[in-house]
Amino acid sequence: MTSAPRVAIVGFSAFERSTLESFFRLCTPGLQVEYDLGRLGSCDLIVADADQTAAIYAVGRAGRVRDAVFVGGPCAPVSAGAHLARPVDALQIRRALDALALQRQRRPGGPAEAAAARAHRPSGRARQLAADAQDVVHDFRGSSGFSNSVLVEGELRLDEVLVVSGSPAERRLLRDLLTRYGYRVSIAPNGDAAVECCEQATFGFVFLGLGQGGLDSFQACRRIKRRPTLTGLAPVVVALAHRHGAIERIRATFAGCDAYLAAPLDEDDLLRVLARHDPTFERVFEPTAPLPV
């Protein structure tokens, strides 16, 4: 980094943050280090802890994945500026930041124009707010808007999700989490209603609570998986279990469930399920509108 940019450090332990800040300041006098997540959009470059889910999604929601060096974790977003393995190596991180700074200088219009363009296009945060503003209960409208603009040729992403649970608290928790990550959520109180919903609309995911009233959950799963959809693909059915028994997990697998989440719901487990079964999930927080011409 030949000039003195503003670098944000997201995540990491207190010791790691202190070490990185000291090294950066020593190598680049005048450099500003930022820890406030609300100011990621104004920073030139970012160093993020890929072992912390919250750090990854903070960078994503700010629309700054391509300007970030991710450290650690099994993987990083596909458009990440760089991804380095642990242990934290301040010298390697600085070299990666130098390379990113050079790339920013070579972009059309330079950093100033790129920052201005970001200010006029919807980011992942804008997408989240748009989703929150919608009435998500029993909303079967077609997927449109932010999410479709991040797809590549030949790729399909279904934003619609059905949550099947007789528990208002569980429905509310899942609805809040899923809308935060850009999905549009419909609600069904039991298996009968879930099958009916799947006959009226196409869903990418069905989160199916086990042990619901009405139609047996496993029977509902079989009917949902057999039901042809507009895409020709059955939805991904995620079993929501209130017990950790191996027998219940086996029964869910034989009924056709693609994934299994046990209560109390862990957000990191939910994110892993979404990332595993939705190939576009990593890109939902990227800027989604084309740059002005």
Protein backbone atom coordinates (compact mmCIF):
# COMPACT_ATOMS: atom_id res chain seq x y z
CA MET A 1 0.00 0.00 0.00
CA THR A 2 1.98 2.97 -1.25
CA SER A 3 -0.53 5.64 -0.13
CA ALA A 4 -2.41 5.81 3.17
CA PRO A 5 -5.81 4.17 2.61
CA ARG A 6 -8.48 3.47 5.19
CA VAL A 7 -8.57 -0.24 6.06
CA ALA A 8 -11.38 -1.93 7.98
CA ILE A 9 -10.65 -4.94 10.18
CA VAL A 10 -13.74 -7.12 10.63
CA GLY A 11 -13.81 -9.93 13.19
CA PHE A 12 -10.66 -11.52 14.67
CA SER A 13 -9.62 -11.69 18.31
CA ALA A 14 -8.50 -8.58 20.19
CA PHE A 15 -4.88 -9.76 19.99
CA GLU A 16 -5.09 -10.36 16.22
CA ARG A 17 -6.69 -6.97 15.62
CA SER A 18 -4.02 -5.22 17.66
CA THR A 19 -1.24 -7.08 15.83
CA LEU A 20 -2.64 -6.27 12.39
CA GLU A 21 -3.22 -2.61 13.23
CA SER A 22 0.32 -2.19 14.60
CA PHE A 23 1.86 -3.86 11.54
CA PHE A 24 -0.20 -1.82 9.06
CA ARG A 25 0.60 1.47 10.79
CA LEU A 26 4.29 0.60 10.91
CA CYS A 27 4.40 -0.23 7.19
CA THR A 28 2.17 2.64 6.04
CA PRO A 29 2.43 5.81 8.14
CA GLY A 30 -0.85 7.73 8.17
CA LEU A 31 -2.96 4.64 7.50
CA GLN A 32 -6.39 4.70 9.15
CA VAL A 33 -7.80 1.53 10.69
CA GLU A 34 -11.56 1.24 11.10
CA TYR A 35 -13.55 -1.20 13.25
CA ASP A 36 -17.03 0.32 12.92
CA LEU A 37 -19.13 -1.99 10.71
CA GLY A 38 -21.34 0.93 9.80
CA ARG A 39 -18.42 2.56 7.97
CA LEU A 40 -17.36 -0.34 5.75
CA GLY A 41 -18.70 1.47 2.70
CA SER A 42 -16.28 4.38 3.23
CA CYS A 43 -13.18 2.21 3.71
CA ASP A 44 -10.80 1.56 0.83
CA LEU A 45 -9.99 -2.05 1.73
CA ILE A 46 -11.16 -4.64 4.22
CA VAL A 47 -9.58 -7.54 6.11
CA ALA A 48 -12.23 -9.98 7.34
CA ASP A 49 -12.13 -13.08 9.52
CA ALA A 50 -13.64 -15.87 7.41
CA ASP A 51 -13.95 -18.06 10.50
CA GLN A 52 -16.72 -15.74 11.74
CA THR A 53 -19.99 -15.96 9.83
CA ALA A 54 -21.03 -12.52 11.06
CA ALA A 55 -17.86 -10.98 9.59
CA ILE A 56 -18.48 -12.54 6.16
CA TYR A 57 -22.02 -11.27 5.99
CA ALA A 58 -21.16 -7.82 7.32
CA VAL A 59 -18.80 -7.41 4.37
CA GLY A 60 -21.38 -8.88 2.02
CA ARG A 61 -24.19 -6.62 3.20
CA ALA A 62 -21.93 -3.61 2.61
CA GLY A 63 -21.34 -4.78 -0.97
CA ARG A 64 -17.56 -4.85 -0.45
CA VAL A 65 -16.64 -8.51 -1.04
CA ARG A 66 -14.38 -7.77 -3.99
CA ASP A 67 -12.41 -5.24 -1.91
CA ALA A 68 -11.85 -7.63 1.00
CA VAL A 69 -9.12 -10.06 2.02
CA PHE A 70 -10.71 -12.99 3.86
CA VAL A 71 -8.51 -14.88 6.32
CA GLY A 72 -9.22 -18.41 7.54
CA GLY A 73 -12.38 -20.44 7.12
CA PRO A 74 -12.93 -23.33 4.72
CA CYS A 75 -14.01 -20.98 1.93
CA ALA A 76 -14.75 -17.37 1.04
CA PRO A 77 -17.32 -15.75 -1.28
CA VAL A 78 -16.56 -16.50 -4.91
CA SER A 79 -15.90 -12.84 -5.75
CA ALA A 80 -13.61 -12.19 -2.77
CA GLY A 81 -10.58 -10.03 -3.44
CA ALA A 82 -8.34 -12.64 -1.81
CA HIS A 83 -8.58 -15.61 0.55
CA LEU A 84 -5.69 -16.55 2.82
CA ALA A 85 -5.38 -19.53 5.14
CA ARG A 86 -4.70 -19.25 8.83
CA PRO A 87 -2.56 -18.65 10.86
CA VAL A 88 -2.85 -14.89 10.48
CA ASP A 89 0.23 -13.66 8.60
CA ALA A 90 0.34 -9.87 8.61
CA LEU A 91 2.94 -9.75 5.82
CA GLN A 92 0.85 -11.95 3.51
CA ILE A 93 -2.23 -9.88 4.28
CA ARG A 94 -0.37 -6.68 3.47
CA ARG A 95 0.76 -8.11 0.13
CA ALA A 96 -2.82 -9.10 -0.68
CA LEU A 97 -4.00 -5.59 0.24
CA ASP A 98 -1.30 -4.11 -2.02
CA ALA A 99 -2.57 -6.23 -4.90
CA LEU A 100 -6.18 -5.17 -4.26
CA ALA A 101 -5.17 -1.52 -4.05
CA LEU A 102 -3.46 -1.85 -7.44
CA GLN A 103 -6.57 -3.47 -8.91
CA ARG A 104 -8.71 -0.61 -7.60
CA GLN A 105 -6.43 1.90 -9.31
CA ARG A 106 -6.77 0.04 -12.62
CA ARG A 107 -10.57 -0.11 -12.54
CA PRO A 108 -12.29 2.24 -15.01
CA GLY A 109 -12.59 5.67 -13.44
CA GLY A 110 -10.46 4.71 -10.44
CA PRO A 111 -11.57 4.37 -6.82
CA ALA A 112 -13.54 7.65 -6.72
CA GLU A 113 -15.83 6.72 -9.60
CA ALA A 114 -16.19 3.16 -8.29
CA ALA A 115 -17.29 4.52 -4.92
CA ALA A 116 -19.78 6.85 -6.59
CA ALA A 117 -21.17 3.96 -8.63
CA ARG A 118 -21.62 1.87 -5.50
CA ALA A 119 -23.66 4.68 -3.97
CA HIS A 120 -26.16 4.51 -6.85
CA ARG A 121 -26.74 0.76 -7.07
CA PRO A 122 -28.53 -1.54 -4.65
CA SER A 123 -26.31 -3.47 -2.28
CA GLY A 124 -27.08 -6.55 -0.26
CA ARG A 125 -28.30 -4.23 2.50
CA ALA A 126 -30.78 -2.64 0.09
CA ARG A 127 -31.97 -6.06 -0.89
CA GLN A 128 -32.49 -6.97 2.74
CA LEU A 129 -34.53 -3.83 3.40
CA ALA A 130 -36.63 -4.45 0.32
CA ALA A 131 -37.40 -7.97 1.49
CA ASP A 132 -38.28 -6.76 4.99
CA ALA A 133 -40.76 -4.26 3.54
CA GLN A 134 -42.81 -6.99 1.82
CA ASP A 135 -45.68 -8.94 3.28
CA VAL A 136 -44.08 -12.37 3.25
CA VAL A 137 -46.94 -14.50 4.60
CA HIS A 138 -48.69 -16.45 1.84
CA ASP A 139 -47.08 -14.32 -0.84
CA PHE A 140 -46.82 -16.48 -3.98
CA ARG A 141 -45.70 -13.77 -6.40
CA GLY A 142 -42.91 -14.66 -8.80
CA SER A 143 -39.32 -14.01 -7.88
CA SER A 144 -38.01 -10.73 -9.24
CA GLY A 145 -35.85 -7.77 -8.35
CA PHE A 146 -32.51 -7.92 -6.64
CA SER A 147 -31.87 -11.66 -6.53
CA ASN A 148 -32.40 -12.40 -10.21
CA SER A 149 -29.83 -9.82 -11.20
CA VAL A 150 -27.02 -11.80 -9.56
CA LEU A 151 -27.66 -14.93 -11.60
CA VAL A 152 -25.35 -16.05 -14.37
CA GLU A 153 -26.46 -17.58 -17.65
CA GLY A 154 -28.20 -20.92 -17.22
CA GLU A 155 -28.59 -20.47 -13.47
CA LEU A 156 -31.85 -20.37 -11.52
CA ARG A 157 -32.50 -19.17 -8.01
CA LEU A 158 -35.84 -19.54 -6.28
CA ASP A 159 -36.26 -16.94 -3.58
CA GLU A 160 -39.55 -18.34 -2.31
CA VAL A 161 -39.36 -20.38 0.90
CA LEU A 162 -42.13 -22.20 2.74
CA VAL A 163 -41.89 -22.57 6.53
CA VAL A 164 -44.13 -25.30 7.97
CA SER A 165 -44.49 -25.16 11.73
CA GLY A 166 -47.23 -25.14 14.31
CA SER A 167 -45.09 -22.96 16.59
CA PRO A 168 -45.56 -19.19 16.12
CA ALA A 169 -42.17 -18.54 17.73
CA GLU A 170 -40.40 -20.95 15.37
CA ARG A 171 -42.20 -19.47 12.36
CA ARG A 172 -41.25 -15.95 13.40
CA LEU A 173 -37.60 -16.87 14.00
CA LEU A 174 -37.19 -18.58 10.63
CA ARG A 175 -39.07 -15.84 8.80
CA ASP A 176 -36.83 -13.15 10.31
CA LEU A 177 -33.62 -15.06 9.55
CA LEU A 178 -34.56 -16.00 5.99
CA THR A 179 -35.84 -12.57 4.98
CA ARG A 180 -32.59 -11.12 6.34
CA TYR A 181 -30.77 -13.18 3.72
CA GLY A 182 -33.06 -12.17 0.88
CA TYR A 183 -35.63 -14.97 0.77
CA ARG A 184 -39.38 -14.41 0.57
CA VAL A 185 -41.17 -16.51 3.14
CA SER A 186 -44.62 -18.09 3.16
CA ILE A 187 -46.10 -19.82 6.19
CA ALA A 188 -48.03 -23.07 6.58
CA PRO A 189 -49.18 -24.33 10.01
CA ASN A 190 -49.11 -28.07 9.20
CA GLY A 191 -48.43 -30.74 6.59
CA ASP A 192 -51.85 -30.47 4.91
CA ALA A 193 -51.43 -26.75 4.34
CA ALA A 194 -47.85 -27.29 3.15
CA VAL A 195 -48.93 -29.73 0.43
CA GLU A 196 -51.66 -27.30 -0.63
CA CYS A 197 -49.19 -24.42 -0.81
CA CYS A 198 -46.80 -26.48 -2.94
CA GLU A 199 -49.65 -27.17 -5.36
CA GLN A 200 -50.18 -23.44 -5.83
CA ALA A 201 -46.60 -22.15 -5.98
CA THR A 202 -43.02 -23.20 -6.55
CA PHE A 203 -40.61 -23.02 -3.61
CA GLY A 204 -36.85 -23.33 -3.52
CA PHE A 205 -36.85 -24.53 0.09
CA VAL A 206 -39.47 -26.05 2.38
CA PHE A 207 -38.58 -25.96 6.09
CA LEU A 208 -40.77 -28.74 7.43
CA GLY A 209 -41.39 -29.06 11.15
CA LEU A 210 -41.59 -32.70 12.24
CA GLY A 211 -44.46 -33.81 14.44
CA GLN A 212 -46.94 -31.21 13.16
CA GLY A 213 -50.70 -31.69 13.34
CA GLY A 214 -52.74 -32.92 10.40
CA LEU A 215 -50.98 -34.88 7.69
CA ASP A 216 -47.92 -36.71 9.00
CA SER A 217 -44.77 -34.68 8.30
CA PHE A 218 -43.02 -37.58 6.57
CA GLN A 219 -46.04 -38.17 4.32
CA ALA A 220 -46.13 -34.45 3.55
CA CYS A 221 -42.44 -34.57 2.60
CA ARG A 222 -43.04 -37.48 0.19
CA ARG A 223 -45.93 -35.66 -1.49
CA ILE A 224 -43.99 -32.41 -1.78
CA LYS A 225 -40.97 -34.19 -3.30
CA ARG A 226 -43.18 -36.01 -5.81
CA ARG A 227 -45.08 -32.92 -6.86
CA PRO A 228 -43.78 -31.59 -10.23
CA THR A 229 -42.87 -27.90 -10.24
CA LEU A 230 -42.56 -25.29 -12.94
CA THR A 231 -38.80 -25.82 -12.96
CA GLY A 232 -39.02 -29.60 -13.00
CA LEU A 233 -37.05 -29.69 -9.74
CA ALA A 234 -38.45 -30.64 -6.36
CA PRO A 235 -37.86 -28.12 -3.55
CA VAL A 236 -35.12 -28.70 -1.02
CA VAL A 237 -36.91 -30.02 2.08
CA VAL A 238 -35.22 -29.22 5.39
CA ALA A 239 -36.50 -31.16 8.40
CA LEU A 240 -36.96 -29.12 11.59
CA ALA A 241 -36.68 -31.53 14.52
CA HIS A 242 -37.22 -30.86 18.20
CA ARG A 243 -35.36 -34.01 19.16
CA HIS A 244 -31.82 -35.11 18.33
CA GLY A 245 -32.71 -38.77 17.93
CA ALA A 246 -30.95 -40.77 15.24
CA ILE A 247 -34.18 -42.63 14.40
CA GLU A 248 -35.98 -39.42 13.54
CA ARG A 249 -33.09 -38.28 11.36
CA ILE A 250 -33.14 -41.63 9.50
CA ARG A 251 -36.91 -41.42 9.02
CA ALA A 252 -36.56 -37.89 7.63
CA THR A 253 -33.88 -39.03 5.20
CA PHE A 254 -35.98 -41.94 3.95
CA ALA A 255 -38.97 -39.61 3.53
CA GLY A 256 -36.90 -37.47 1.17
CA CYS A 257 -35.66 -34.65 3.40
CA ASP A 258 -32.48 -33.11 1.99
CA ALA A 259 -31.20 -31.59 5.24
CA TYR A 260 -31.86 -31.74 8.96
CA LEU A 261 -31.85 -28.95 11.55
CA ALA A 262 -32.45 -29.58 15.24
CA ALA A 263 -33.91 -27.18 17.78
CA PRO A 264 -32.83 -24.87 19.19
CA LEU A 265 -32.03 -23.54 15.73
CA ASP A 266 -28.43 -22.43 15.21
CA GLU A 267 -28.01 -19.67 12.63
CA ASP A 268 -24.63 -20.97 11.45
CA ASP A 269 -26.19 -24.38 10.76
CA LEU A 270 -28.96 -22.69 8.79
CA LEU A 271 -26.45 -20.74 6.72
CA ARG A 272 -24.51 -23.90 5.92
CA VAL A 273 -27.71 -25.56 4.67
CA LEU A 274 -28.55 -22.56 2.49
CA ALA A 275 -25.03 -22.33 1.07
CA ARG A 276 -24.92 -26.08 0.37
CA HIS A 277 -28.21 -26.22 -1.54
CA ASP A 278 -28.45 -22.74 -3.12
CA PRO A 279 -25.56 -22.25 -5.59
CA THR A 280 -26.17 -18.49 -5.75
CA PHE A 281 -26.32 -17.95 -1.99
CA GLU A 282 -22.81 -16.48 -1.76
CA ARG A 283 -23.72 -13.79 -4.25
CA VAL A 284 -26.98 -12.53 -2.77
CA PHE A 285 -25.12 -9.82 -0.88
CA GLU A 286 -23.14 -8.58 -3.86
CA PRO A 287 -24.15 -5.34 -5.61
CA THR A 288 -26.89 -6.51 -7.95
CA ALA A 289 -27.50 -3.75 -10.46
CA PRO A 290 -25.18 -3.00 -13.41
CA LEU A 291 -22.80 -0.09 -13.16
CA PRO A 292 -24.02 3.14 -14.80
CA VAL A 293 -22.71 3.62 -18.34
